[in-house]
C-alpha atoms as a PDB file:
ATOM      1  CA  MET A   1       0.000   0.000   0.000  1.00  0.00           C
ATOM      2  CA  ALA A   2       1.282   3.466  -0.911  1.00  0.00           C
ATOM      3  CA  SER A   3       2.355   5.728   1.945  1.00  0.00           C
ATOM      4  CA  PRO A   4       0.460   9.000   2.594  1.00  0.00           C
ATOM      5  CA  LEU A   5       3.304  10.981   1.011  1.00  0.00           C
ATOM      6  CA  GLU A   6       3.334   8.772  -2.080  1.00  0.00           C
ATOM      7  CA  ARG A   7      -0.440   9.184  -2.462  1.00  0.00           C
ATOM      8  CA  LEU A   8      -0.088  12.953  -2.134  1.00  0.00           C
ATOM      9  CA  GLN A   9       2.710  13.230  -4.693  1.00  0.00           C
ATOM     10  CA  ASP A  10       0.908  10.944  -7.146  1.00  0.00           C
ATOM     11  CA  ALA A  11      -2.350  12.921  -6.909  1.00  0.00           C
ATOM     12  CA  LEU A  12      -0.600  16.252  -7.477  1.00  0.00           C
ATOM     13  CA  SER A  13       1.553  15.038 -10.371  1.00  0.00           C
ATOM     14  CA  GLN A  14      -1.561  13.912 -12.280  1.00  0.00           C
ATOM     15  CA  VAL A  15      -3.023  17.428 -12.227  1.00  0.00           C
ATOM     16  CA  VAL A  16       0.008  19.745 -12.260  1.00  0.00           C
ATOM     17  CA  LEU A  17       2.184  18.540 -15.141  1.00  0.00           C
ATOM     18  CA  GLY A  18       5.834  19.332 -15.730  1.00  0.00           C
ATOM     19  CA  GLN A  19       6.409  21.076 -12.386  1.00  0.00           C
ATOM     20  CA  GLN A  20       7.795  18.290 -10.191  1.00  0.00           C
ATOM     21  CA  ALA A  21      10.416  20.509  -8.535  1.00  0.00           C
ATOM     22  CA  VAL A  22       7.791  23.139  -7.724  1.00  0.00           C
ATOM     23  CA  LEU A  23       5.458  20.515  -6.240  1.00  0.00           C
ATOM     24  CA  GLY A  24       8.334  19.109  -4.192  1.00  0.00           C
ATOM     25  CA  ASP A  25       9.103  22.538  -2.718  1.00  0.00           C
ATOM     26  CA  LEU A  26       5.414  23.231  -2.013  1.00  0.00           C
ATOM     27  CA  VAL A  27       4.912  19.965  -0.142  1.00  0.00           C
ATOM     28  CA  THR A  28       8.209  20.466   1.679  1.00  0.00           C
ATOM     29  CA  CYS A  29       7.120  23.936   2.775  1.00  0.00           C
ATOM     30  CA  PHE A  30       3.746  22.698   4.002  1.00  0.00           C
ATOM     31  CA  LEU A  31       5.297  19.826   5.972  1.00  0.00           C
ATOM     32  CA  ALA A  32       7.661  22.356   7.589  1.00  0.00           C
ATOM     33  CA  ARG A  33       4.675  24.580   8.546  1.00  0.00           C
ATOM     34  CA  GLY A  34       5.970  27.449   6.414  1.00  0.00           C
ATOM     35  CA  HIS A  35       4.483  29.686   3.732  1.00  0.00           C
ATOM     36  CA  VAL A  36       5.514  29.938   0.095  1.00  0.00           C
ATOM     37  CA  LEU A  37       5.805  32.676  -2.517  1.00  0.00           C
ATOM     38  CA  LEU A  38       5.338  31.392  -6.085  1.00  0.00           C
ATOM     39  CA  GLU A  39       6.983  33.627  -8.668  1.00  0.00           C
ATOM     40  CA  GLY A  40       6.420  33.152 -12.367  1.00  0.00           C
ATOM     41  CA  VAL A  41       5.003  34.663 -15.534  1.00  0.00           C
ATOM     42  CA  PRO A  42       1.228  34.433 -16.150  1.00  0.00           C
ATOM     43  CA  GLY A  43      -0.114  31.117 -17.383  1.00  0.00           C
ATOM     44  CA  VAL A  44       2.285  28.673 -15.707  1.00  0.00           C
ATOM     45  CA  ALA A  45      -0.390  27.255 -13.348  1.00  0.00           C
ATOM     46  CA  LYS A  46       0.592  29.001 -10.107  1.00  0.00           C
ATOM     47  CA  THR A  47      -3.008  29.276  -8.861  1.00  0.00           C
ATOM     48  CA  LEU A  48      -3.883  25.780 -10.115  1.00  0.00           C
ATOM     49  CA  THR A  49      -0.912  24.411  -8.186  1.00  0.00           C
ATOM     50  CA  ALA A  50      -2.078  26.080  -4.971  1.00  0.00           C
ATOM     51  CA  ARG A  51      -5.674  24.927  -5.458  1.00  0.00           C
ATOM     52  CA  SER A  52      -4.535  21.388  -6.221  1.00  0.00           C
ATOM     53  CA  ILE A  53      -2.422  21.041  -3.096  1.00  0.00           C
ATOM     54  CA  ALA A  54      -5.334  22.328  -0.995  1.00  0.00           C
ATOM     55  CA  GLY A  55      -7.635  19.746  -2.598  1.00  0.00           C
ATOM     56  CA  ALA A  56      -5.200  16.861  -2.186  1.00  0.00           C
ATOM     57  CA  LEU A  57      -4.624  17.764   1.463  1.00  0.00           C
ATOM     58  CA  GLY A  58      -8.360  18.029   2.065  1.00  0.00           C
ATOM     59  CA  LEU A  59      -8.052  21.605   3.322  1.00  0.00           C
ATOM     60  CA  MET A  60     -10.392  24.584   3.001  1.00  0.00           C
ATOM     61  CA  PHE A  61      -9.202  26.916   0.235  1.00  0.00           C
ATOM     62  CA  LYS A  62      -9.808  30.611  -0.394  1.00  0.00           C
ATOM     63  CA  ARG A  63      -8.321  32.909  -3.016  1.00  0.00           C
ATOM     64  CA  VAL A  64      -7.915  36.676  -2.764  1.00  0.00           C
ATOM     65  CA  GLN A  65      -7.063  38.750  -5.828  1.00  0.00           C
ATOM     66  CA  PHE A  66      -4.760  41.473  -4.515  1.00  0.00           C
ATOM     67  CA  THR A  67      -5.456  44.829  -6.194  1.00  0.00           C
ATOM     68  CA  PRO A  68      -4.377  48.451  -5.569  1.00  0.00           C
ATOM     69  CA  ASP A  69      -7.679  49.273  -3.801  1.00  0.00           C
ATOM     70  CA  LEU A  70      -7.730  46.193  -1.542  1.00  0.00           C
ATOM     71  CA  MET A  71      -8.007  47.167   2.136  1.00  0.00           C
ATOM     72  CA  PRO A  72      -6.742  45.218   5.181  1.00  0.00           C
ATOM     73  CA  SER A  73     -10.362  44.665   6.270  1.00  0.00           C
ATOM     74  CA  ASP A  74     -11.053  42.992   2.907  1.00  0.00           C
ATOM     75  CA  VAL A  75      -8.584  40.306   3.936  1.00  0.00           C
ATOM     76  CA  LEU A  76      -8.984  40.127   7.712  1.00  0.00           C
ATOM     77  CA  GLY A  77     -12.646  41.014   8.154  1.00  0.00           C
ATOM     78  CA  THR A  78     -14.342  43.722  10.202  1.00  0.00           C
ATOM     79  CA  SER A  79     -16.765  44.269  13.062  1.00  0.00           C
ATOM     80  CA  VAL A  80     -20.296  45.208  11.994  1.00  0.00           C
ATOM     81  CA  PHE A  81     -22.939  46.645  14.307  1.00  0.00           C
ATOM     82  CA  ARG A  82     -26.151  44.628  14.517  1.00  0.00           C
ATOM     83  CA  PRO A  83     -28.868  47.030  15.698  1.00  0.00           C
ATOM     84  CA  ASN A  84     -31.389  44.278  16.503  1.00  0.00           C
ATOM     85  CA  GLU A  85     -28.953  42.737  18.988  1.00  0.00           C
ATOM     86  CA  GLY A  86     -27.216  45.962  20.008  1.00  0.00           C
ATOM     87  CA  VAL A  87     -23.748  44.424  19.570  1.00  0.00           C
ATOM     88  CA  PHE A  88     -20.826  44.449  17.183  1.00  0.00           C
ATOM     89  CA  ALA A  89     -20.261  41.118  15.420  1.00  0.00           C
ATOM     90  CA  LEU A  90     -17.198  40.012  13.512  1.00  0.00           C
ATOM     91  CA  VAL A  91     -17.652  39.362   9.807  1.00  0.00           C
ATOM     92  CA  LYS A  92     -14.672  37.141   9.057  1.00  0.00           C
ATOM     93  CA  GLY A  93     -12.563  37.821   5.982  1.00  0.00           C
ATOM     94  CA  PRO A  94     -11.052  35.231   3.636  1.00  0.00           C
ATOM     95  CA  ILE A  95      -7.969  34.876   5.863  1.00  0.00           C
ATOM     96  CA  PHE A  96     -10.048  32.584   8.063  1.00  0.00           C
ATOM     97  CA  THR A  97      -9.252  29.502   6.022  1.00  0.00           C
ATOM     98  CA  GLU A  98      -6.630  26.764   5.878  1.00  0.00           C
ATOM     99  CA  VAL A  99      -5.005  27.478   2.502  1.00  0.00           C
ATOM    100  CA  LEU A 100      -5.037  31.146   1.483  1.00  0.00           C
ATOM    101  CA  VAL A 101      -3.924  32.030  -2.033  1.00  0.00           C
ATOM    102  CA  ALA A 102      -2.807  35.657  -2.157  1.00  0.00           C
ATOM    103  CA  ASP A 103      -2.863  36.160  -5.913  1.00  0.00           C
ATOM    104  CA  GLU A 104      -0.494  38.851  -7.253  1.00  0.00           C
ATOM    105  CA  ILE A 105       0.369  39.959  -3.734  1.00  0.00           C
ATOM    106  CA  ASN A 106       2.665  42.719  -4.978  1.00  0.00           C
ATOM    107  CA  ARG A 107      -0.247  44.534  -6.652  1.00  0.00           C
ATOM    108  CA  THR A 108      -1.586  45.809  -3.322  1.00  0.00           C
ATOM    109  CA  PRO A 109      -0.055  48.597  -1.184  1.00  0.00           C
ATOM    110  CA  PRO A 110       2.251  47.772   1.757  1.00  0.00           C
ATOM    111  CA  LYS A 111      -0.508  48.581   4.278  1.00  0.00           C
ATOM    112  CA  THR A 112      -2.593  45.662   3.010  1.00  0.00           C
ATOM    113  CA  GLN A 113       0.433  43.404   2.559  1.00  0.00           C
ATOM    114  CA  ALA A 114       1.259  44.030   6.226  1.00  0.00           C
ATOM    115  CA  ALA A 115      -2.145  42.643   7.229  1.00  0.00           C
ATOM    116  CA  LEU A 116      -0.681  39.186   6.608  1.00  0.00           C
ATOM    117  CA  LEU A 117       2.355  39.583   8.886  1.00  0.00           C
ATOM    118  CA  GLU A 118       0.741  38.542  12.171  1.00  0.00           C
ATOM    119  CA  ALA A 119      -1.233  35.766  10.497  1.00  0.00           C
ATOM    120  CA  MET A 120       1.838  34.250   8.839  1.00  0.00           C
ATOM    121  CA  GLU A 121       4.058  34.480  11.907  1.00  0.00           C
ATOM    122  CA  GLU A 122       1.667  33.606  14.736  1.00  0.00           C
ATOM    123  CA  ARG A 123      -1.337  32.042  12.960  1.00  0.00           C
ATOM    124  CA  GLN A 124      -3.655  34.580  14.499  1.00  0.00           C
ATOM    125  CA  VAL A 125      -5.117  37.991  13.599  1.00  0.00           C
ATOM    126  CA  THR A 126      -6.045  40.972  15.734  1.00  0.00           C
ATOM    127  CA  ILE A 127      -9.198  42.859  14.752  1.00  0.00           C
ATOM    128  CA  ASP A 128     -10.407  45.839  16.808  1.00  0.00           C
ATOM    129  CA  GLY A 129      -8.098  44.812  19.639  1.00  0.00           C
ATOM    130  CA  GLU A 130      -9.381  41.240  19.826  1.00  0.00           C
ATOM    131  CA  THR A 131      -7.214  38.274  18.873  1.00  0.00           C
ATOM    132  CA  HIS A 132      -8.660  35.465  16.763  1.00  0.00           C
ATOM    133  CA  LEU A 133      -6.848  32.177  16.195  1.00  0.00           C
ATOM    134  CA  LEU A 134      -6.479  30.763  12.694  1.00  0.00           C
ATOM    135  CA  PRO A 135      -6.623  27.034  11.858  1.00  0.00           C
ATOM    136  CA  PRO A 136      -3.470  25.111  12.856  1.00  0.00           C
ATOM    137  CA  GLN A 137      -2.906  24.121   9.202  1.00  0.00           C
ATOM    138  CA  PHE A 138      -2.996  27.770   8.004  1.00  0.00           C
ATOM    139  CA  PHE A 139      -0.835  27.935   4.862  1.00  0.00           C
ATOM    140  CA  VAL A 140      -0.284  31.000   2.669  1.00  0.00           C
ATOM    141  CA  VAL A 141       0.557  30.515  -1.000  1.00  0.00           C
ATOM    142  CA  ALA A 142       1.234  33.933  -2.521  1.00  0.00           C
ATOM    143  CA  THR A 143       1.921  34.559  -6.200  1.00  0.00           C
ATOM    144  CA  GLN A 144       3.630  37.370  -8.027  1.00  0.00           C
ATOM    145  CA  ASN A 145       4.612  38.165 -11.588  1.00  0.00           C
ATOM    146  CA  PRO A 146       8.334  39.033 -11.896  1.00  0.00           C
ATOM    147  CA  VAL A 147       7.944  40.713 -15.285  1.00  0.00           C
ATOM    148  CA  GLU A 148       5.366  43.488 -14.896  1.00  0.00           C
ATOM    149  CA  LEU A 149       6.508  46.324 -12.632  1.00  0.00           C
ATOM    150  CA  GLU A 150       3.836  48.920 -13.399  1.00  0.00           C
ATOM    151  CA  GLY A 151       1.267  49.167 -10.630  1.00  0.00           C
ATOM    152  CA  THR A 152       3.198  46.976  -8.190  1.00  0.00           C
ATOM    153  CA  TRP A 153       4.749  47.478  -4.765  1.00  0.00           C
ATOM    154  CA  PRO A 154       7.842  45.394  -3.962  1.00  0.00           C
ATOM    155  CA  LEU A 155       7.346  43.259  -0.869  1.00  0.00           C
ATOM    156  CA  PRO A 156       9.246  44.739   2.105  1.00  0.00           C
ATOM    157  CA  GLU A 157      11.992  42.666   3.710  1.00  0.00           C
ATOM    158  CA  ALA A 158       9.840  41.935   6.791  1.00  0.00           C
ATOM    159  CA  GLN A 159       7.126  40.476   4.566  1.00  0.00           C
ATOM    160  CA  LEU A 160       9.537  38.461   2.425  1.00  0.00           C
ATOM    161  CA  ASP A 161      11.177  37.013   5.522  1.00  0.00           C
ATOM    162  CA  ARG A 162       7.822  35.513   6.595  1.00  0.00           C
ATOM    163  CA  PHE A 163       7.866  33.258   3.535  1.00  0.00           C
ATOM    164  CA  MET A 164       9.848  30.108   4.168  1.00  0.00           C
ATOM    165  CA  MET A 165      10.430  29.698   0.424  1.00  0.00           C
ATOM    166  CA  ARG A 166      10.275  31.650  -2.792  1.00  0.00           C
ATOM    167  CA  VAL A 167       9.755  29.134  -5.581  1.00  0.00           C
ATOM    168  CA  ARG A 168      10.217  30.144  -9.194  1.00  0.00           C
ATOM    169  CA  VAL A 169       7.725  28.543 -11.569  1.00  0.00           C
ATOM    170  CA  GLY A 170       9.071  28.233 -15.100  1.00  0.00           C
ATOM    171  CA  TYR A 171       7.705  26.877 -18.347  1.00  0.00           C
ATOM    172  CA  PRO A 172       7.231  23.085 -18.589  1.00  0.00           C
ATOM    173  CA  ASP A 173       9.309  21.146 -21.092  1.00  0.00           C
ATOM    174  CA  GLU A 174       7.863  20.279 -24.512  1.00  0.00           C
ATOM    175  CA  ALA A 175       6.692  16.762 -23.563  1.00  0.00           C
ATOM    176  CA  ALA A 176       4.886  18.026 -20.452  1.00  0.00           C
ATOM    177  CA  GLU A 177       3.296  20.864 -22.411  1.00  0.00           C
ATOM    178  CA  LYS A 178       1.958  18.394 -24.999  1.00  0.00           C
ATOM    179  CA  GLU A 179       0.566  16.192 -22.221  1.00  0.00           C
ATOM    180  CA  MET A 180      -1.001  19.256 -20.614  1.00  0.00           C
ATOM    181  CA  LEU A 181      -2.708  20.261 -23.831  1.00  0.00           C
ATOM    182  CA  ALA A 182      -4.005  16.715 -24.421  1.00  0.00           C
ATOM    183  CA  ALA A 183      -5.453  16.659 -20.889  1.00  0.00           C
ATOM    184  CA  PHE A 184      -7.067  20.063 -21.500  1.00  0.00           C
ATOM    185  CA  HIS A 185      -8.664  18.644 -24.652  1.00  0.00           C
ATOM    186  CA  ARG A 186      -9.974  15.555 -22.831  1.00  0.00           C
ATOM    187  CA  ARG A 187     -11.537  17.727 -20.116  1.00  0.00           C
ATOM    188  CA  GLU A 188     -13.185  19.860 -22.826  1.00  0.00           C
ATOM    189  CA  GLY A 189     -11.575  22.972 -21.380  1.00  0.00           C
ATOM    190  CA  LYS A 190     -12.775  22.427 -17.816  1.00  0.00           C
ATOM    191  CA  SER A 191     -10.422  23.172 -14.941  1.00  0.00           C
ATOM    192  CA  PRO A 192      -8.859  20.041 -13.405  1.00  0.00           C
ATOM    193  CA  SER A 193      -9.572  19.098  -9.810  1.00  0.00           C
ATOM    194  CA  VAL A 194      -8.030  16.752  -7.267  1.00  0.00           C
ATOM    195  CA  GLU A 195      -9.766  14.888  -4.476  1.00  0.00           C
ATOM    196  CA  ALA A 196      -8.464  14.688  -0.913  1.00  0.00           C
ATOM    197  CA  VAL A 197      -6.014  11.807  -0.496  1.00  0.00           C
ATOM    198  CA  LEU A 198      -5.045  12.397   3.151  1.00  0.00           C
ATOM    199  CA  THR A 199      -7.083  12.295   6.330  1.00  0.00           C
ATOM    200  CA  PRO A 200      -6.679  15.067   8.962  1.00  0.00           C
ATOM    201  CA  ALA A 201      -4.869  12.577  11.200  1.00  0.00           C
ATOM    202  CA  GLU A 202      -2.427  11.657   8.413  1.00  0.00           C
ATOM    203  CA  LEU A 203      -1.849  15.337   7.706  1.00  0.00           C
ATOM    204  CA  THR A 204      -0.971  16.137  11.309  1.00  0.00           C
ATOM    205  CA  GLY A 205       1.128  12.984  11.541  1.00  0.00           C
ATOM    206  CA  LEU A 206       3.217  13.974   8.509  1.00  0.00           C
ATOM    207  CA  GLN A 207       3.971  17.403   9.953  1.00  0.00           C
ATOM    208  CA  HIS A 208       4.966  15.840  13.270  1.00  0.00           C
ATOM    209  CA  LEU A 209       7.123  13.365  11.357  1.00  0.00           C
ATOM    210  CA  ALA A 210       8.929  16.185   9.528  1.00  0.00           C
ATOM    211  CA  ALA A 211       9.529  18.063  12.787  1.00  0.00           C
ATOM    212  CA  SER A 212      10.958  14.970  14.493  1.00  0.00           C
ATOM    213  CA  VAL A 213      13.468  13.981  11.798  1.00  0.00           C
ATOM    214  CA  ARG A 214      16.876  13.477  13.425  1.00  0.00           C
ATOM    215  CA  CYS A 215      19.568  16.065  12.754  1.00  0.00           C
ATOM    216  CA  ASP A 216      23.232  15.588  13.604  1.00  0.00           C
ATOM    217  CA  PRO A 217      24.997  18.564  15.255  1.00  0.00           C
ATOM    218  CA  SER A 218      27.358  18.693  12.262  1.00  0.00           C
ATOM    219  CA  VAL A 219      24.391  19.405   9.952  1.00  0.00           C
ATOM    220  CA  ILE A 220      23.170  22.182  12.263  1.00  0.00           C
ATOM    221  CA  ASP A 221      26.691  23.633  12.164  1.00  0.00           C
ATOM    222  CA  TYR A 222      26.612  23.392   8.350  1.00  0.00           C
ATOM    223  CA  VAL A 223      23.313  25.333   8.185  1.00  0.00           C
ATOM    224  CA  VAL A 224      24.660  28.079  10.459  1.00  0.00           C
ATOM    225  CA  LYS A 225      27.863  28.434   8.439  1.00  0.00           C
ATOM    226  CA  LEU A 226      25.924  28.596   5.147  1.00  0.00           C
ATOM    227  CA  VAL A 227      23.667  31.393   6.379  1.00  0.00           C
ATOM    228  CA  ARG A 228      26.506  33.313   8.023  1.00  0.00           C
ATOM    229  CA  SER A 229      28.560  33.087   4.827  1.00  0.00           C
ATOM    230  CA  THR A 230      25.895  35.144   3.023  1.00  0.00           C
ATOM    231  CA  ARG A 231      26.359  37.904   5.612  1.00  0.00           C
ATOM    232  CA  GLY A 232      30.124  37.867   5.165  1.00  0.00           C
ATOM    233  CA  ASN A 233      29.921  38.447   1.407  1.00  0.00           C
ATOM    234  CA  ALA A 234      31.112  41.968   0.525  1.00  0.00           C
ATOM    235  CA  ARG A 235      28.578  42.174  -2.307  1.00  0.00           C
ATOM    236  CA  VAL A 236      25.621  41.391  -0.049  1.00  0.00           C
ATOM    237  CA  LYS A 237      23.999  44.329   1.741  1.00  0.00           C
ATOM    238  CA  LEU A 238      21.582  42.165   3.725  1.00  0.00           C
ATOM    239  CA  GLY A 239      22.370  38.503   4.336  1.00  0.00           C
ATOM    240  CA  GLY A 240      20.361  35.638   5.738  1.00  0.00           C
ATOM    241  CA  SER A 241      18.744  36.288   9.121  1.00  0.00           C
ATOM    242  CA  PRO A 242      18.613  33.874  12.089  1.00  0.00           C
ATOM    243  CA  ARG A 243      15.000  33.194  11.022  1.00  0.00           C
ATOM    244  CA  SER A 244      16.310  32.092   7.626  1.00  0.00           C
ATOM    245  CA  ALA A 245      18.619  29.584   9.359  1.00  0.00           C
ATOM    246  CA  GLN A 246      15.611  28.183  11.232  1.00  0.00           C
ATOM    247  CA  SER A 247      13.674  28.006   7.968  1.00  0.00           C
ATOM    248  CA  LEU A 248      16.559  26.269   6.198  1.00  0.00           C
ATOM    249  CA  LEU A 249      16.813  23.610   8.897  1.00  0.00           C
ATOM    250  CA  ALA A 250      13.026  23.082   9.033  1.00  0.00           C
ATOM    251  CA  ALA A 251      12.836  22.783   5.233  1.00  0.00           C
ATOM    252  CA  ALA A 252      15.766  20.343   5.140  1.00  0.00           C
ATOM    253  CA  LYS A 253      14.051  18.161   7.767  1.00  0.00           C
ATOM    254  CA  ALA A 254      10.806  18.237   5.771  1.00  0.00           C
ATOM    255  CA  ARG A 255      12.681  17.359   2.571  1.00  0.00           C
ATOM    256  CA  ALA A 256      14.252  14.379   4.353  1.00  0.00           C
ATOM    257  CA  ALA A 257      10.779  13.281   5.515  1.00  0.00           C
ATOM    258  CA  LEU A 258       9.482  13.678   1.957  1.00  0.00           C
ATOM    259  CA  LYS A 259      12.182  11.256   0.828  1.00  0.00           C
ATOM    260  CA  GLN A 260      11.168   8.950   3.700  1.00  0.00           C
ATOM    261  CA  GLN A 261      14.481   9.371   5.524  1.00  0.00           C
ATOM    262  CA  ASP A 262      14.631   9.534   9.314  1.00  0.00           C
ATOM    263  CA  PHE A 263      17.676  11.842   9.412  1.00  0.00           C
ATOM    264  CA  VAL A 264      18.846  14.990   7.600  1.00  0.00           C
ATOM    265  CA  THR A 265      21.812  14.936   5.228  1.00  0.00           C
ATOM    266  CA  PRO A 266      23.814  17.870   3.819  1.00  0.00           C
ATOM    267  CA  ASP A 267      22.254  17.061   0.433  1.00  0.00           C
ATOM    268  CA  ASP A 268      18.812  17.798   1.892  1.00  0.00           C
ATOM    269  CA  VAL A 269      20.102  21.207   2.982  1.00  0.00           C
ATOM    270  CA  LYS A 270      21.555  21.870  -0.466  1.00  0.00           C
ATOM    271  CA  GLU A 271      18.296  20.913  -2.215  1.00  0.00           C
ATOM    272  CA  VAL A 272      16.252  23.557  -0.381  1.00  0.00           C
ATOM    273  CA  ALA A 273      18.919  26.246   0.150  1.00  0.00           C
ATOM    274  CA  ARG A 274      18.160  28.295  -2.950  1.00  0.00           C
ATOM    275  CA  SER A 275      14.388  28.446  -2.426  1.00  0.00           C
ATOM    276  CA  VAL A 276      14.788  29.260   1.268  1.00  0.00           C
ATOM    277  CA  LEU A 277      17.468  31.958   0.893  1.00  0.00           C
ATOM    278  CA  ASN A 278      17.071  33.594  -2.531  1.00  0.00           C
ATOM    279  CA  HIS A 279      14.426  36.130  -1.443  1.00  0.00           C
ATOM    280  CA  ARG A 280      16.188  37.048   1.783  1.00  0.00           C
ATOM    281  CA  LEU A 281      19.418  38.402   0.304  1.00  0.00           C
ATOM    282  CA  MET A 282      19.773  42.041  -0.702  1.00  0.00           C
ATOM    283  CA  LEU A 283      22.749  42.767  -2.939  1.00  0.00           C
ATOM    284  CA  THR A 284      24.754  45.978  -3.111  1.00  0.00           C
ATOM    285  CA  SER A 285      24.120  48.378  -5.999  1.00  0.00           C
ATOM    286  CA  GLU A 286      27.532  47.567  -7.449  1.00  0.00           C
ATOM    287  CA  ALA A 287      26.775  43.843  -7.444  1.00  0.00           C
ATOM    288  CA  GLU A 288      23.442  44.388  -9.211  1.00  0.00           C
ATOM    289  CA  VAL A 289      25.141  46.535 -11.872  1.00  0.00           C
ATOM    290  CA  GLU A 290      27.634  43.727 -12.432  1.00  0.00           C
ATOM    291  CA  GLY A 291      24.749  41.299 -12.931  1.00  0.00           C
ATOM    292  CA  LEU A 292      25.324  39.271  -9.764  1.00  0.00           C
ATOM    293  CA  THR A 293      22.222  37.466  -8.484  1.00  0.00           C
ATOM    294  CA  ALA A 294      21.186  36.074  -5.123  1.00  0.00           C
ATOM    295  CA  ASP A 295      21.222  32.588  -6.653  1.00  0.00           C
ATOM    296  CA  GLU A 296      24.869  33.056  -7.592  1.00  0.00           C
ATOM    297  CA  VAL A 297      25.735  34.173  -4.050  1.00  0.00           C
ATOM    298  CA  ILE A 298      24.014  31.063  -2.660  1.00  0.00           C
ATOM    299  CA  ARG A 299      25.871  28.869  -5.152  1.00  0.00           C
ATOM    300  CA  GLN A 300      29.185  30.415  -4.047  1.00  0.00           C
ATOM    301  CA  SER A 301      28.326  29.801  -0.391  1.00  0.00           C
ATOM    302  CA  LEU A 302      27.448  26.166  -1.093  1.00  0.00           C
ATOM    303  CA  GLU A 303      30.810  25.731  -2.819  1.00  0.00           C
ATOM    304  CA  ARG A 304      32.775  27.608  -0.152  1.00  0.00           C
ATOM    305  CA  VAL A 305      31.375  26.075   3.042  1.00  0.00           C
ATOM    306  CA  GLU A 306      32.824  22.692   3.908  1.00  0.00           C
ATOM    307  CA  VAL A 307      30.310  19.863   3.798  1.00  0.00           C
ATOM    308  CA  PRO A 308      30.262  17.705   6.956  1.00  0.00           C
ATOM    309  CA  ARG A 309      31.079  14.035   6.511  1.00  0.00           C
END
């Protein structure tokens, strides 16, 4: 009988074609109780991917289209006076869900972006001075288009740091694109869907499993040295934070669990390092002029830091 993880991966791969690496990072991020920022051009199935993982996990799903006129109350909710009862009652916003898709998050002003900070960090929101808990499985999948800059607000560092991973979604290869088109034809243009393949107990068990994966002190030392090496780079204005080291370790443990290992290896750390760190590094102006990228800095760090044996 297939394991819960195998059932999950199989269900997702039948709907989202040609994006195995993206699916792997998404599942890894969920198992590690993080949040993910999907970055890619329009039409590469970012929203479909988020909806599919919510369906396969059996979680409640809500999507918010972020626009320039979106207000924090449109996301969080607001208190409304009910004259018949003489009280204020909370009308909950779409954030009260398990999987929230923040579509084109960089198209809304920083004030509305900031409405997600408390929710992403503490899984709770404060409305009119009252704190409301969010579901324990609360998972934010935000999307943004890296090409169009008009009418966008770059995410501030504090917001970016709340995302465990930034995953770039590229074009599928030719074979996958042909398969995708054939599936679209068979469905007569209807959007694909995926049924839940995990029970709530299995879901919680997988997250506990990822958190309990064994980690040798040498691997922890390796993670710390990798993150600190980004701060010591003269071309990096802002390196990885201590939170990024925690995220890197949590993601590496989840990746090990995804591969059904009971311990973390340096290879697990390497596999998730780029997605965990690439949005947290801010390069100097000189480095950007020279064409240096965060991915290149991470690659240099991976080459420079000694791998534990």
